[in-house]
Amino acid sequence: MYRLTFFTSVVMMIILVNSGVCQAKEKPHTKGKISNSALFNFDNIPNGKLPAGAQAFSGTWGVRTEKGAPSAPKALCQTGKAEYPALVLKDKAYSDVQILTSFKPVSGKEDQAAGIIFRVLDKDNYYILRANALENNIILFKYENGKRSSIKEANVKIAKGVWQNLRVDAKGSLIRGYLEGKLVVEATDTAFNSGNVGLWTKADSQSCFDNVLIISY
């Protein structure tokens, strides 16, 4: 109930602020004016399909009915196997951006990873904030020219088979990653300053995502 209420309140605040109805002193997690926002809850998309504008780089991605999804009844899930299954959600570049999503590690013998990719230039260049339920950690990666390198990591419990909230804030060179609203990694990097937003898993990870909220500011 907390997670659904959390996302609902954030979305309602964005709508009110953008429409000029609400001039709240505190906007959702951001300092400054919200210039653009998008929410993906996947509920109106046929099973097996992707949202309009989404592009899968690798892996097997599709919407499906998922019991317990925060925004019932559907979620976007990755069910295949690849080195780094990834997709972008829309053909739009964001610079200073905040991305929030609910994720659930479903299964995987090699990995049970779920992540957000951002400032995506193409299939070989982007940042990753990922959680791993087998390793119990969150790592901020840079994926540059098809090679992945770690920027910052933190050991933190990631529950298997449970919906959790992951969030990344990128403003200028500063990047912050949060689990369940708690700051877990923080670093600076200047490789990429703008790009698309999407989702990511690893190896044989089967993971689901719901309520992907993108806030540009």
N, C-alpha and C. Protein backbone atom coordinates (compact mmCIF):
# COMPACT_ATOMS: atom_id res chain seq x y z
N MET A 1 0.83 -1.20 0.00
CA MET A 1 0.00 0.00 0.00
C MET A 1 0.86 1.25 0.00
N TYR A 2 1.98 1.21 0.73
CA TYR A 2 2.88 2.38 0.78
C TYR A 2 3.38 2.74 -0.60
N ARG A 3 3.80 1.69 -1.37
CA ARG A 3 4.40 1.98 -2.66
C ARG A 3 3.40 2.60 -3.61
N LEU A 4 2.18 2.07 -3.65
CA LEU A 4 1.17 2.61 -4.54
C LEU A 4 0.83 4.04 -4.14
N THR A 5 0.67 4.28 -2.85
CA THR A 5 0.37 5.63 -2.37
C THR A 5 1.51 6.58 -2.69
N PHE A 6 2.74 6.12 -2.55
CA PHE A 6 3.92 6.94 -2.83
C PHE A 6 3.91 7.43 -4.28
N PHE A 7 3.75 6.51 -5.22
CA PHE A 7 3.77 6.91 -6.62
C PHE A 7 2.56 7.74 -6.99
N THR A 8 1.39 7.39 -6.45
CA THR A 8 0.19 8.16 -6.74
C THR A 8 0.33 9.59 -6.29
N SER A 9 0.87 9.81 -5.08
CA SER A 9 1.02 11.16 -4.55
C SER A 9 2.02 11.96 -5.37
N VAL A 10 3.11 11.31 -5.80
CA VAL A 10 4.11 12.01 -6.61
C VAL A 10 3.51 12.44 -7.94
N VAL A 11 2.80 11.53 -8.60
CA VAL A 11 2.22 11.85 -9.90
C VAL A 11 1.19 12.96 -9.77
N MET A 12 0.35 12.90 -8.76
CA MET A 12 -0.66 13.94 -8.57
C MET A 12 -0.01 15.29 -8.32
N MET A 13 1.08 15.31 -7.57
CA MET A 13 1.77 16.56 -7.30
C MET A 13 2.35 17.14 -8.59
N ILE A 14 2.92 16.27 -9.44
CA ILE A 14 3.47 16.73 -10.71
C ILE A 14 2.39 17.35 -11.57
N ILE A 15 1.24 16.68 -11.67
CA ILE A 15 0.14 17.19 -12.47
C ILE A 15 -0.30 18.55 -11.98
N LEU A 16 -0.43 18.70 -10.69
CA LEU A 16 -0.90 19.96 -10.12
C LEU A 16 0.13 21.08 -10.31
N VAL A 17 1.41 20.74 -10.10
CA VAL A 17 2.45 21.76 -10.26
C VAL A 17 2.54 22.20 -11.71
N ASN A 18 2.55 21.24 -12.64
CA ASN A 18 2.68 21.58 -14.06
C ASN A 18 1.48 22.36 -14.58
N SER A 19 0.29 22.12 -14.00
CA SER A 19 -0.91 22.81 -14.46
C SER A 19 -1.06 24.19 -13.83
N GLY A 20 -0.23 24.47 -12.81
CA GLY A 20 -0.32 25.76 -12.14
C GLY A 20 -1.36 25.78 -11.04
N VAL A 21 -2.04 24.65 -10.81
CA VAL A 21 -3.07 24.60 -9.77
C VAL A 21 -2.43 24.63 -8.39
N CYS A 22 -1.28 23.97 -8.29
CA CYS A 22 -0.63 23.86 -6.99
C CYS A 22 0.72 24.56 -7.04
N GLN A 23 0.96 25.44 -6.13
CA GLN A 23 2.25 26.12 -6.02
C GLN A 23 2.90 25.70 -4.71
N ALA A 24 3.12 24.38 -4.58
CA ALA A 24 3.63 23.85 -3.33
C ALA A 24 5.05 24.31 -3.07
N LYS A 25 5.38 24.51 -1.81
CA LYS A 25 6.73 24.93 -1.46
C LYS A 25 7.71 23.78 -1.66
N GLU A 26 7.24 22.54 -1.47
CA GLU A 26 8.10 21.38 -1.63
C GLU A 26 7.55 20.52 -2.76
N LYS A 27 8.30 20.40 -3.83
CA LYS A 27 7.93 19.56 -4.95
C LYS A 27 8.56 18.17 -4.75
N PRO A 28 8.04 17.13 -5.41
CA PRO A 28 8.50 15.77 -5.17
C PRO A 28 9.97 15.55 -5.48
N HIS A 29 10.82 15.53 -4.46
CA HIS A 29 12.23 15.16 -4.55
C HIS A 29 13.09 16.11 -5.37
N THR A 30 12.52 17.10 -6.04
CA THR A 30 13.30 17.95 -6.92
C THR A 30 13.38 19.36 -6.37
N LYS A 31 14.48 20.02 -6.66
CA LYS A 31 14.64 21.43 -6.33
C LYS A 31 14.63 22.20 -7.63
N GLY A 32 13.67 23.06 -7.80
CA GLY A 32 13.52 23.77 -9.06
C GLY A 32 12.27 23.31 -9.78
N LYS A 33 11.96 23.94 -10.88
CA LYS A 33 10.73 23.68 -11.60
C LYS A 33 10.78 22.36 -12.36
N ILE A 34 9.71 21.58 -12.27
CA ILE A 34 9.57 20.37 -13.07
C ILE A 34 9.22 20.79 -14.48
N SER A 35 10.07 20.48 -15.46
CA SER A 35 9.83 20.93 -16.83
C SER A 35 9.12 19.89 -17.67
N ASN A 36 9.25 18.62 -17.30
CA ASN A 36 8.63 17.56 -18.09
C ASN A 36 8.58 16.29 -17.24
N SER A 37 7.55 15.49 -17.44
CA SER A 37 7.44 14.25 -16.69
C SER A 37 6.70 13.21 -17.52
N ALA A 38 6.95 11.95 -17.21
CA ALA A 38 6.28 10.85 -17.90
C ALA A 38 6.14 9.69 -16.93
N LEU A 39 5.01 8.99 -17.01
CA LEU A 39 4.77 7.84 -16.15
C LEU A 39 4.41 6.63 -17.02
N PHE A 40 5.06 5.51 -16.76
CA PHE A 40 4.76 4.25 -17.43
C PHE A 40 4.27 3.24 -16.39
N ASN A 41 2.97 2.89 -16.46
CA ASN A 41 2.47 1.84 -15.56
C ASN A 41 2.09 0.58 -16.32
N PHE A 42 2.12 0.62 -17.66
CA PHE A 42 2.01 -0.55 -18.54
C PHE A 42 0.64 -1.23 -18.55
N ASP A 43 -0.35 -0.67 -17.87
CA ASP A 43 -1.62 -1.37 -17.71
C ASP A 43 -2.48 -1.38 -18.97
N ASN A 44 -2.27 -0.44 -19.87
CA ASN A 44 -3.08 -0.38 -21.09
C ASN A 44 -2.38 -0.98 -22.30
N ILE A 45 -1.27 -1.69 -22.06
CA ILE A 45 -0.50 -2.28 -23.14
C ILE A 45 -0.80 -3.78 -23.23
N PRO A 46 -1.06 -4.30 -24.42
CA PRO A 46 -1.35 -5.74 -24.56
C PRO A 46 -0.19 -6.60 -24.05
N ASN A 47 -0.51 -7.73 -23.48
CA ASN A 47 0.52 -8.65 -23.01
C ASN A 47 1.45 -9.04 -24.15
N GLY A 48 2.74 -9.08 -23.85
CA GLY A 48 3.75 -9.44 -24.83
C GLY A 48 4.27 -8.28 -25.64
N LYS A 49 3.67 -7.11 -25.49
CA LYS A 49 4.07 -5.92 -26.25
C LYS A 49 4.90 -4.97 -25.40
N LEU A 50 5.46 -3.95 -26.07
CA LEU A 50 6.22 -2.89 -25.40
C LEU A 50 5.46 -1.58 -25.51
N PRO A 51 5.73 -0.63 -24.62
CA PRO A 51 5.12 0.70 -24.76
C PRO A 51 5.50 1.34 -26.09
N ALA A 52 4.64 2.18 -26.61
CA ALA A 52 4.93 2.90 -27.86
C ALA A 52 6.21 3.71 -27.68
N GLY A 53 7.12 3.60 -28.61
CA GLY A 53 8.37 4.33 -28.55
C GLY A 53 9.50 3.60 -27.88
N ALA A 54 9.20 2.48 -27.20
CA ALA A 54 10.25 1.72 -26.52
C ALA A 54 11.07 0.93 -27.53
N GLN A 55 12.35 0.74 -27.22
CA GLN A 55 13.24 -0.03 -28.08
C GLN A 55 14.10 -0.94 -27.23
N ALA A 56 14.02 -2.25 -27.47
CA ALA A 56 14.84 -3.21 -26.75
C ALA A 56 16.19 -3.34 -27.43
N PHE A 57 17.27 -3.17 -26.68
CA PHE A 57 18.62 -3.38 -27.20
C PHE A 57 18.97 -4.87 -27.19
N SER A 58 18.54 -5.57 -26.13
CA SER A 58 18.83 -6.99 -25.97
C SER A 58 17.90 -7.56 -24.91
N GLY A 59 17.83 -8.89 -24.85
CA GLY A 59 16.94 -9.54 -23.90
C GLY A 59 15.56 -9.75 -24.49
N THR A 60 14.67 -10.29 -23.67
CA THR A 60 13.29 -10.55 -24.06
C THR A 60 12.37 -9.77 -23.14
N TRP A 61 11.84 -8.67 -23.63
CA TRP A 61 11.04 -7.75 -22.84
C TRP A 61 9.59 -7.80 -23.30
N GLY A 62 8.67 -7.72 -22.35
CA GLY A 62 7.26 -7.64 -22.71
C GLY A 62 6.39 -7.38 -21.50
N VAL A 63 5.26 -6.76 -21.74
CA VAL A 63 4.28 -6.53 -20.68
C VAL A 63 3.55 -7.83 -20.40
N ARG A 64 3.26 -8.08 -19.14
CA ARG A 64 2.47 -9.25 -18.77
C ARG A 64 1.67 -8.96 -17.50
N THR A 65 0.63 -9.73 -17.31
CA THR A 65 -0.12 -9.66 -16.06
C THR A 65 0.75 -10.22 -14.95
N GLU A 66 0.94 -9.44 -13.91
CA GLU A 66 1.86 -9.82 -12.83
C GLU A 66 1.17 -9.64 -11.49
N LYS A 67 0.92 -10.74 -10.82
CA LYS A 67 0.25 -10.70 -9.53
C LYS A 67 1.00 -9.81 -8.55
N GLY A 68 0.29 -8.91 -7.90
CA GLY A 68 0.89 -8.04 -6.90
C GLY A 68 1.57 -6.81 -7.45
N ALA A 69 1.47 -6.59 -8.74
CA ALA A 69 2.09 -5.39 -9.33
C ALA A 69 1.57 -4.14 -8.63
N PRO A 70 2.46 -3.19 -8.30
CA PRO A 70 2.02 -1.98 -7.58
C PRO A 70 0.90 -1.25 -8.30
N SER A 71 0.98 -1.18 -9.63
CA SER A 71 -0.11 -0.64 -10.42
C SER A 71 -0.74 -1.82 -11.15
N ALA A 72 -1.72 -2.45 -10.52
CA ALA A 72 -2.31 -3.68 -11.06
C ALA A 72 -3.05 -3.37 -12.35
N PRO A 73 -3.09 -4.35 -13.29
CA PRO A 73 -2.63 -5.73 -13.11
C PRO A 73 -1.32 -6.06 -13.82
N LYS A 74 -0.68 -5.10 -14.51
CA LYS A 74 0.43 -5.45 -15.39
C LYS A 74 1.75 -4.82 -14.97
N ALA A 75 2.82 -5.44 -15.50
CA ALA A 75 4.17 -4.93 -15.30
C ALA A 75 4.96 -5.24 -16.57
N LEU A 76 6.10 -4.59 -16.72
CA LEU A 76 7.02 -4.86 -17.83
C LEU A 76 8.12 -5.77 -17.31
N CYS A 77 8.30 -6.93 -17.96
CA CYS A 77 9.23 -7.93 -17.44
C CYS A 77 10.25 -8.34 -18.49
N GLN A 78 11.44 -8.69 -18.01
CA GLN A 78 12.49 -9.23 -18.86
C GLN A 78 12.63 -10.71 -18.50
N THR A 79 12.45 -11.59 -19.49
CA THR A 79 12.39 -13.03 -19.22
C THR A 79 13.42 -13.84 -20.00
N GLY A 80 14.27 -13.19 -20.78
CA GLY A 80 15.25 -13.91 -21.57
C GLY A 80 16.62 -13.92 -20.92
N LYS A 81 17.62 -14.23 -21.72
CA LYS A 81 19.00 -14.26 -21.25
C LYS A 81 19.90 -13.57 -22.27
N ALA A 82 20.72 -12.66 -21.79
CA ALA A 82 21.69 -11.96 -22.62
C ALA A 82 22.77 -11.44 -21.69
N GLU A 83 23.82 -10.88 -22.26
CA GLU A 83 24.87 -10.33 -21.37
C GLU A 83 24.28 -9.23 -20.50
N TYR A 84 23.69 -8.23 -21.11
CA TYR A 84 23.05 -7.14 -20.39
C TYR A 84 21.73 -6.78 -21.08
N PRO A 85 20.64 -7.47 -20.78
CA PRO A 85 19.34 -7.10 -21.37
C PRO A 85 19.00 -5.65 -21.02
N ALA A 86 18.64 -4.87 -22.04
CA ALA A 86 18.36 -3.45 -21.81
C ALA A 86 17.37 -2.94 -22.84
N LEU A 87 16.62 -1.91 -22.45
CA LEU A 87 15.75 -1.22 -23.39
C LEU A 87 15.59 0.22 -22.97
N VAL A 88 15.27 1.08 -23.96
CA VAL A 88 14.91 2.46 -23.66
C VAL A 88 13.40 2.59 -23.80
N LEU A 89 12.81 3.46 -22.99
CA LEU A 89 11.35 3.57 -22.93
C LEU A 89 10.78 4.57 -23.92
N LYS A 90 11.54 5.59 -24.28
CA LYS A 90 11.03 6.56 -25.24
C LYS A 90 12.21 7.27 -25.90
N ASP A 91 11.95 7.78 -27.09
CA ASP A 91 13.00 8.46 -27.85
C ASP A 91 13.03 9.93 -27.43
N LYS A 92 13.63 10.16 -26.28
CA LYS A 92 13.71 11.52 -25.75
C LYS A 92 14.97 11.64 -24.91
N ALA A 93 15.68 12.74 -25.06
CA ALA A 93 16.89 12.97 -24.30
C ALA A 93 16.58 13.79 -23.04
N TYR A 94 17.13 13.33 -21.93
CA TYR A 94 17.01 14.04 -20.65
C TYR A 94 18.41 14.36 -20.14
N SER A 95 18.56 15.52 -19.53
CA SER A 95 19.83 15.89 -18.93
C SER A 95 19.73 15.77 -17.41
N ASP A 96 19.24 16.83 -16.73
CA ASP A 96 18.97 16.74 -15.30
C ASP A 96 17.66 15.99 -15.14
N VAL A 97 17.71 14.85 -14.49
CA VAL A 97 16.54 13.97 -14.49
C VAL A 97 16.50 13.12 -13.22
N GLN A 98 15.31 12.76 -12.85
CA GLN A 98 15.08 11.83 -11.76
C GLN A 98 14.21 10.70 -12.30
N ILE A 99 14.62 9.45 -12.04
CA ILE A 99 13.84 8.29 -12.48
C ILE A 99 13.55 7.42 -11.28
N LEU A 100 12.28 7.08 -11.12
CA LEU A 100 11.86 6.19 -10.05
C LEU A 100 11.16 4.99 -10.67
N THR A 101 11.33 3.81 -10.07
CA THR A 101 10.58 2.64 -10.50
C THR A 101 10.42 1.65 -9.36
N SER A 102 9.35 0.88 -9.42
CA SER A 102 9.23 -0.31 -8.59
C SER A 102 9.81 -1.47 -9.37
N PHE A 103 10.56 -2.35 -8.71
CA PHE A 103 11.14 -3.50 -9.39
C PHE A 103 10.99 -4.73 -8.50
N LYS A 104 10.98 -5.89 -9.16
CA LYS A 104 10.92 -7.16 -8.42
C LYS A 104 11.87 -8.16 -9.07
N PRO A 105 12.91 -8.61 -8.33
CA PRO A 105 13.75 -9.71 -8.84
C PRO A 105 12.95 -11.01 -8.76
N VAL A 106 12.66 -11.60 -9.90
CA VAL A 106 11.80 -12.79 -9.94
C VAL A 106 12.62 -14.07 -9.80
N SER A 107 13.65 -14.22 -10.64
CA SER A 107 14.46 -15.43 -10.59
C SER A 107 15.77 -15.20 -11.32
N GLY A 108 16.66 -16.21 -11.24
CA GLY A 108 17.95 -16.16 -11.92
C GLY A 108 18.99 -16.91 -11.11
N LYS A 109 19.72 -17.82 -11.77
CA LYS A 109 20.77 -18.56 -11.08
C LYS A 109 22.09 -17.81 -11.10
N GLU A 110 22.38 -17.12 -12.21
CA GLU A 110 23.62 -16.35 -12.32
C GLU A 110 23.47 -14.98 -11.66
N ASP A 111 22.34 -14.34 -11.90
CA ASP A 111 22.09 -13.01 -11.36
C ASP A 111 20.60 -12.83 -11.13
N GLN A 112 20.28 -11.92 -10.21
CA GLN A 112 18.91 -11.45 -10.03
C GLN A 112 18.98 -9.93 -9.93
N ALA A 113 19.20 -9.34 -11.09
CA ALA A 113 19.49 -7.90 -11.16
C ALA A 113 18.35 -7.14 -11.81
N ALA A 114 18.19 -5.91 -11.38
CA ALA A 114 17.23 -4.99 -11.97
C ALA A 114 17.81 -3.60 -11.87
N GLY A 115 17.70 -2.82 -12.96
CA GLY A 115 18.31 -1.51 -12.92
C GLY A 115 17.65 -0.49 -13.83
N ILE A 116 18.08 0.73 -13.63
CA ILE A 116 17.67 1.88 -14.44
C ILE A 116 18.87 2.29 -15.28
N ILE A 117 18.65 2.51 -16.58
CA ILE A 117 19.70 3.12 -17.40
C ILE A 117 19.27 4.55 -17.75
N PHE A 118 20.25 5.43 -17.83
CA PHE A 118 19.94 6.84 -18.06
C PHE A 118 21.10 7.52 -18.78
N ARG A 119 20.77 8.68 -19.38
CA ARG A 119 21.70 9.37 -20.27
C ARG A 119 22.22 8.39 -21.34
N VAL A 120 21.28 7.67 -21.90
CA VAL A 120 21.59 6.64 -22.90
C VAL A 120 21.82 7.30 -24.26
N LEU A 121 23.04 7.14 -24.78
CA LEU A 121 23.35 7.65 -26.12
C LEU A 121 22.98 6.61 -27.18
N ASP A 122 23.31 5.36 -26.90
CA ASP A 122 23.00 4.24 -27.80
C ASP A 122 23.16 2.96 -26.99
N LYS A 123 23.13 1.81 -27.66
CA LYS A 123 23.15 0.53 -26.95
C LYS A 123 24.47 0.27 -26.23
N ASP A 124 25.50 1.04 -26.52
CA ASP A 124 26.81 0.81 -25.93
C ASP A 124 27.29 1.92 -25.00
N ASN A 125 26.46 2.95 -24.77
CA ASN A 125 26.91 4.09 -23.97
C ASN A 125 25.79 4.63 -23.10
N TYR A 126 25.95 4.44 -21.77
CA TYR A 126 24.96 4.94 -20.81
C TYR A 126 25.43 4.68 -19.38
N TYR A 127 24.71 5.24 -18.43
CA TYR A 127 24.91 4.93 -17.02
C TYR A 127 23.89 3.89 -16.59
N ILE A 128 24.24 3.11 -15.55
CA ILE A 128 23.35 2.10 -14.98
C ILE A 128 23.34 2.26 -13.46
N LEU A 129 22.15 2.27 -12.89
CA LEU A 129 22.02 2.07 -11.44
C LEU A 129 21.30 0.75 -11.26
N ARG A 130 21.97 -0.24 -10.69
CA ARG A 130 21.35 -1.55 -10.61
C ARG A 130 21.42 -2.14 -9.20
N ALA A 131 20.37 -2.89 -8.87
CA ALA A 131 20.27 -3.64 -7.62
C ALA A 131 20.37 -5.13 -7.95
N ASN A 132 21.02 -5.90 -7.07
CA ASN A 132 21.19 -7.33 -7.31
C ASN A 132 20.83 -8.11 -6.05
N ALA A 133 19.81 -8.97 -6.18
CA ALA A 133 19.31 -9.71 -5.02
C ALA A 133 20.18 -10.91 -4.67
N LEU A 134 21.06 -11.36 -5.57
CA LEU A 134 21.99 -12.43 -5.22
C LEU A 134 23.23 -11.88 -4.54
N GLU A 135 23.68 -10.71 -4.98
CA GLU A 135 24.89 -10.10 -4.40
C GLU A 135 24.58 -9.19 -3.23
N ASN A 136 23.29 -8.80 -3.09
CA ASN A 136 22.89 -7.86 -2.05
C ASN A 136 23.73 -6.57 -2.10
N ASN A 137 23.67 -5.94 -3.26
CA ASN A 137 24.34 -4.66 -3.40
C ASN A 137 23.66 -3.81 -4.47
N ILE A 138 24.00 -2.54 -4.45
CA ILE A 138 23.59 -1.60 -5.49
C ILE A 138 24.86 -0.97 -6.04
N ILE A 139 24.97 -0.94 -7.38
CA ILE A 139 26.16 -0.40 -8.01
C ILE A 139 25.78 0.61 -9.08
N LEU A 140 26.48 1.71 -9.10
CA LEU A 140 26.38 2.68 -10.18
C LEU A 140 27.50 2.36 -11.17
N PHE A 141 27.09 2.02 -12.41
CA PHE A 141 28.04 1.66 -13.46
C PHE A 141 28.06 2.71 -14.56
N LYS A 142 29.17 2.72 -15.29
CA LYS A 142 29.27 3.42 -16.57
C LYS A 142 29.48 2.35 -17.63
N TYR A 143 28.63 2.37 -18.66
CA TYR A 143 28.75 1.44 -19.78
C TYR A 143 29.17 2.27 -20.99
N GLU A 144 30.45 2.21 -21.29
CA GLU A 144 31.03 3.11 -22.30
C GLU A 144 31.71 2.29 -23.38
N ASN A 145 31.31 2.53 -24.63
CA ASN A 145 31.84 1.79 -25.77
C ASN A 145 31.71 0.28 -25.58
N GLY A 146 30.57 -0.12 -24.99
CA GLY A 146 30.29 -1.53 -24.80
C GLY A 146 31.05 -2.20 -23.68
N LYS A 147 31.70 -1.42 -22.82
CA LYS A 147 32.43 -1.97 -21.69
C LYS A 147 31.92 -1.34 -20.39
N ARG A 148 31.70 -2.19 -19.40
CA ARG A 148 31.11 -1.75 -18.14
C ARG A 148 32.19 -1.55 -17.08
N SER A 149 32.09 -0.44 -16.35
CA SER A 149 33.00 -0.18 -15.25
C SER A 149 32.22 0.37 -14.07
N SER A 150 32.65 0.01 -12.87
CA SER A 150 31.97 0.43 -11.65
C SER A 150 32.41 1.83 -11.24
N ILE A 151 31.44 2.65 -10.88
CA ILE A 151 31.73 3.99 -10.37
C ILE A 151 31.63 4.02 -8.85
N LYS A 152 30.55 3.45 -8.31
CA LYS A 152 30.36 3.45 -6.85
C LYS A 152 29.43 2.30 -6.49
N GLU A 153 29.67 1.65 -5.36
CA GLU A 153 28.79 0.57 -4.94
C GLU A 153 28.56 0.60 -3.44
N ALA A 154 27.48 -0.07 -3.03
CA ALA A 154 27.13 -0.16 -1.62
C ALA A 154 26.49 -1.51 -1.35
N ASN A 155 26.85 -2.11 -0.22
CA ASN A 155 26.21 -3.36 0.20
C ASN A 155 24.89 -3.03 0.89
N VAL A 156 23.82 -3.62 0.38
CA VAL A 156 22.50 -3.37 0.93
C VAL A 156 21.61 -4.56 0.60
N LYS A 157 20.72 -4.92 1.50
CA LYS A 157 19.84 -6.06 1.31
C LYS A 157 18.83 -5.79 0.21
N ILE A 158 18.80 -6.67 -0.79
CA ILE A 158 17.82 -6.61 -1.86
C ILE A 158 16.96 -7.87 -1.75
N ALA A 159 15.70 -7.72 -1.47
CA ALA A 159 14.82 -8.87 -1.24
C ALA A 159 14.47 -9.55 -2.56
N LYS A 160 14.44 -10.88 -2.54
CA LYS A 160 14.04 -11.66 -3.71
C LYS A 160 12.52 -11.78 -3.77
N GLY A 161 11.98 -11.63 -4.96
CA GLY A 161 10.55 -11.83 -5.17
C GLY A 161 9.66 -10.80 -4.51
N VAL A 162 10.21 -9.63 -4.21
CA VAL A 162 9.47 -8.58 -3.51
C VAL A 162 9.58 -7.28 -4.30
N TRP A 163 8.48 -6.55 -4.39
CA TRP A 163 8.51 -5.24 -5.03
C TRP A 163 9.22 -4.23 -4.14
N GLN A 164 10.16 -3.50 -4.72
CA GLN A 164 10.93 -2.48 -4.01
C GLN A 164 11.05 -1.26 -4.91
N ASN A 165 11.45 -0.13 -4.32
CA ASN A 165 11.58 1.12 -5.07
C ASN A 165 13.04 1.48 -5.28
N LEU A 166 13.38 1.75 -6.54
CA LEU A 166 14.72 2.19 -6.91
C LEU A 166 14.60 3.56 -7.56
N ARG A 167 15.55 4.43 -7.26
CA ARG A 167 15.50 5.80 -7.78
C ARG A 167 16.90 6.30 -8.07
N VAL A 168 17.03 7.05 -9.16
CA VAL A 168 18.29 7.72 -9.47
C VAL A 168 18.02 9.18 -9.74
N ASP A 169 18.87 10.04 -9.22
CA ASP A 169 18.85 11.47 -9.50
C ASP A 169 20.16 11.83 -10.19
N ALA A 170 20.07 12.46 -11.35
CA ALA A 170 21.26 12.91 -12.06
C ALA A 170 21.11 14.39 -12.36
N LYS A 171 22.01 15.18 -11.80
CA LYS A 171 22.00 16.62 -12.01
C LYS A 171 23.42 17.08 -12.26
N GLY A 172 23.67 17.55 -13.48
CA GLY A 172 25.05 17.88 -13.83
C GLY A 172 25.89 16.62 -13.75
N SER A 173 27.02 16.71 -13.09
CA SER A 173 27.90 15.55 -12.95
C SER A 173 27.58 14.71 -11.71
N LEU A 174 26.66 15.17 -10.87
CA LEU A 174 26.33 14.48 -9.63
C LEU A 174 25.24 13.44 -9.85
N ILE A 175 25.50 12.22 -9.40
CA ILE A 175 24.54 11.12 -9.53
C ILE A 175 24.31 10.50 -8.16
N ARG A 176 23.04 10.34 -7.81
CA ARG A 176 22.68 9.72 -6.53
C ARG A 176 21.71 8.57 -6.76
N GLY A 177 21.93 7.47 -6.05
CA GLY A 177 21.04 6.32 -6.16
C GLY A 177 20.40 6.01 -4.82
N TYR A 178 19.10 5.66 -4.86
CA TYR A 178 18.31 5.43 -3.65
C TYR A 178 17.60 4.08 -3.73
N LEU A 179 17.49 3.41 -2.60
CA LEU A 179 16.65 2.23 -2.45
C LEU A 179 15.64 2.51 -1.35
N GLU A 180 14.37 2.36 -1.68
CA GLU A 180 13.29 2.62 -0.72
C GLU A 180 13.42 4.02 -0.11
N GLY A 181 13.83 4.99 -0.91
CA GLY A 181 13.93 6.36 -0.45
C GLY A 181 15.19 6.70 0.32
N LYS A 182 16.07 5.71 0.53
CA LYS A 182 17.30 5.93 1.29
C LYS A 182 18.48 6.04 0.33
N LEU A 183 19.27 7.11 0.49
CA LEU A 183 20.46 7.30 -0.34
C LEU A 183 21.48 6.19 -0.05
N VAL A 184 21.91 5.49 -1.11
CA VAL A 184 22.86 4.39 -0.93
C VAL A 184 24.16 4.60 -1.71
N VAL A 185 24.12 5.29 -2.84
CA VAL A 185 25.35 5.59 -3.58
C VAL A 185 25.31 7.02 -4.07
N GLU A 186 26.47 7.64 -4.11
CA GLU A 186 26.60 9.01 -4.59
C GLU A 186 27.97 9.17 -5.23
N ALA A 187 28.02 9.76 -6.43
CA ALA A 187 29.29 9.92 -7.12
C ALA A 187 29.16 11.01 -8.17
N THR A 188 30.30 11.41 -8.73
CA THR A 188 30.30 12.35 -9.85
C THR A 188 30.98 11.69 -11.04
N ASP A 189 30.47 12.01 -12.24
CA ASP A 189 31.06 11.51 -13.46
C ASP A 189 30.62 12.41 -14.60
N THR A 190 31.48 12.56 -15.60
CA THR A 190 31.19 13.52 -16.68
C THR A 190 31.16 12.86 -18.06
N ALA A 191 31.10 11.54 -18.12
CA ALA A 191 31.14 10.86 -19.42
C ALA A 191 29.93 11.21 -20.29
N PHE A 192 28.73 11.21 -19.69
CA PHE A 192 27.50 11.47 -20.44
C PHE A 192 26.70 12.56 -19.74
N ASN A 193 26.19 13.50 -20.49
CA ASN A 193 25.42 14.59 -19.87
C ASN A 193 23.97 14.64 -20.30
N SER A 194 23.56 13.78 -21.25
CA SER A 194 22.18 13.79 -21.70
C SER A 194 21.90 12.50 -22.46
N GLY A 195 20.64 12.04 -22.44
CA GLY A 195 20.30 10.86 -23.20
C GLY A 195 18.98 10.26 -22.78
N ASN A 196 18.64 9.15 -23.38
CA ASN A 196 17.38 8.46 -23.10
C ASN A 196 17.38 7.81 -21.72
N VAL A 197 16.22 7.26 -21.38
CA VAL A 197 16.01 6.58 -20.10
C VAL A 197 15.44 5.19 -20.38
N GLY A 198 15.86 4.21 -19.60
CA GLY A 198 15.33 2.87 -19.80
C GLY A 198 15.57 1.95 -18.62
N LEU A 199 15.49 0.63 -18.89
CA LEU A 199 15.58 -0.40 -17.86
C LEU A 199 16.61 -1.43 -18.26
N TRP A 200 17.05 -2.23 -17.28
CA TRP A 200 18.23 -3.08 -17.50
C TRP A 200 18.17 -4.29 -16.57
N THR A 201 18.66 -5.43 -17.04
CA THR A 201 18.91 -6.58 -16.17
C THR A 201 20.26 -7.18 -16.57
N LYS A 202 20.57 -8.34 -16.04
CA LYS A 202 21.85 -8.96 -16.38
C LYS A 202 21.70 -10.47 -16.50
N ALA A 203 22.38 -11.03 -17.50
CA ALA A 203 22.51 -12.48 -17.67
C ALA A 203 21.14 -13.16 -17.70
N ASP A 204 20.89 -14.09 -16.75
CA ASP A 204 19.62 -14.83 -16.74
C ASP A 204 18.60 -14.23 -15.78
N SER A 205 18.82 -13.00 -15.35
CA SER A 205 17.88 -12.35 -14.44
C SER A 205 16.51 -12.22 -15.09
N GLN A 206 15.49 -12.70 -14.40
CA GLN A 206 14.11 -12.42 -14.79
C GLN A 206 13.57 -11.42 -13.77
N SER A 207 13.28 -10.23 -14.25
CA SER A 207 12.92 -9.12 -13.37
C SER A 207 11.75 -8.37 -13.96
N CYS A 208 10.92 -7.80 -13.08
CA CYS A 208 9.76 -7.02 -13.51
C CYS A 208 9.85 -5.60 -12.99
N PHE A 209 9.23 -4.68 -13.74
CA PHE A 209 9.24 -3.26 -13.41
C PHE A 209 7.83 -2.72 -13.53
N ASP A 210 7.51 -1.75 -12.70
CA ASP A 210 6.22 -1.08 -12.75
C ASP A 210 6.39 0.37 -12.32
N ASN A 211 5.42 1.21 -12.74
CA ASN A 211 5.41 2.61 -12.30
C ASN A 211 6.75 3.31 -12.52
N VAL A 212 7.21 3.32 -13.75
CA VAL A 212 8.44 4.05 -14.07
C VAL A 212 8.09 5.51 -14.24
N LEU A 213 8.61 6.34 -13.36
CA LEU A 213 8.32 7.77 -13.36
C LEU A 213 9.58 8.53 -13.73
N ILE A 214 9.51 9.35 -14.76
CA ILE A 214 10.63 10.15 -15.23
C ILE A 214 10.29 11.62 -15.00
N ILE A 215 11.16 12.33 -14.29
CA ILE A 215 10.95 13.73 -14.00
C ILE A 215 12.17 14.52 -14.49
N SER A 216 11.95 15.41 -15.43
CA SER A 216 13.01 16.27 -15.93
C SER A 216 12.87 17.63 -15.28
N TYR A 217 14.01 18.20 -14.82
CA TYR A 217 13.94 19.48 -14.12
C TYR A 217 15.19 20.31 -14.36
